[in-house]
């Protein structure tokens, strides 16, 4: 019973960290396209798709790092 609760707690932490990493990647990429000098300051579909991809990659990297770190500390 305790193992199941610990597993659920780990999954909740992974989910929250994944959401935060996705949001940071998304907002960071959109901010880059919006404010970087030399680029047109227009958010188009290419910037939105790129931001979604970067957010997904950030989520994947964060969750895999946390799983690896958790496995090495167990």
Protein backbone atom coordinates (compact mmCIF):
# COMPACT_ATOMS: atom_id res chain seq x y z
CA UNK A 1 0.00 0.00 0.00
CA UNK A 2 2.80 2.41 0.87
CA UNK A 3 4.66 1.53 -2.34
CA UNK A 4 1.59 2.40 -4.38
CA UNK A 5 1.27 5.76 -2.62
CA UNK A 6 4.97 6.49 -3.19
CA UNK A 7 4.58 5.55 -6.88
CA UNK A 8 1.63 7.91 -7.17
CA UNK A 9 3.60 10.70 -5.50
CA UNK A 10 6.47 10.19 -7.93
CA UNK A 11 4.08 10.25 -10.89
CA UNK A 12 2.49 13.47 -9.61
CA UNK A 13 5.93 15.08 -9.28
CA UNK A 14 6.84 13.94 -12.80
CA UNK A 15 3.59 15.32 -14.20
CA UNK A 16 4.02 18.69 -12.47
CA UNK A 17 7.66 18.98 -13.54
CA UNK A 18 6.67 18.04 -17.09
CA UNK A 19 4.00 20.72 -17.18
CA UNK A 20 6.43 23.33 -15.84
CA UNK A 21 9.13 22.32 -18.34
CA UNK A 22 6.66 22.43 -21.23
CA UNK A 23 5.41 25.87 -20.20
CA UNK A 24 8.96 27.19 -19.78
CA UNK A 25 9.98 25.88 -23.21
CA UNK A 26 6.86 27.25 -24.85
CA UNK A 27 7.05 30.71 -23.26
CA UNK A 28 10.82 30.93 -23.72
CA UNK A 29 10.61 30.12 -27.41
CA UNK A 30 7.73 32.52 -28.02
CA UNK A 31 9.62 35.25 -26.13
CA UNK A 32 12.69 34.56 -28.28
CA UNK A 33 10.68 34.98 -31.48
CA UNK A 34 8.90 38.05 -30.12
CA UNK A 35 11.87 40.00 -28.74
CA UNK A 36 15.13 38.77 -30.34
CA UNK A 37 16.75 41.61 -32.31
CA UNK A 38 16.94 41.04 -36.03
CA UNK A 39 13.88 38.84 -36.27
CA UNK A 40 10.54 40.17 -37.40
CA UNK A 41 8.52 40.72 -34.24
CA UNK A 42 5.61 38.65 -35.44
CA UNK A 43 4.42 35.39 -33.96
CA UNK A 44 3.36 33.27 -36.94
CA UNK A 45 2.39 29.61 -37.25
CA UNK A 46 6.02 28.57 -37.65
CA UNK A 47 6.92 30.17 -34.33
CA UNK A 48 3.95 28.55 -32.62
CA UNK A 49 4.78 25.08 -33.99
CA UNK A 50 8.45 25.54 -33.04
CA UNK A 51 7.46 26.63 -29.54
CA UNK A 52 5.24 23.56 -29.13
CA UNK A 53 8.06 21.28 -30.28
CA UNK A 54 10.57 22.94 -27.95
CA UNK A 55 8.08 22.66 -25.08
CA UNK A 56 7.54 18.96 -25.79
CA UNK A 57 11.30 18.35 -25.95
CA UNK A 58 11.79 20.22 -22.68
CA UNK A 59 9.08 18.11 -21.04
CA UNK A 60 10.61 14.88 -22.33
CA UNK A 61 14.12 15.88 -21.22
CA UNK A 62 12.94 16.93 -17.76
CA UNK A 63 10.95 13.76 -17.16
CA UNK A 64 13.67 11.44 -18.43
CA UNK A 65 16.25 13.23 -16.28
CA UNK A 66 14.01 12.95 -13.22
CA UNK A 67 13.35 9.25 -13.85
CA UNK A 68 17.06 8.57 -14.31
CA UNK A 69 17.91 10.53 -11.19
CA UNK A 70 15.23 8.69 -9.23
CA UNK A 71 16.50 5.31 -10.41
CA UNK A 72 20.06 6.10 -9.42
CA UNK A 73 19.00 7.30 -5.93
CA UNK A 74 16.81 4.28 -5.17
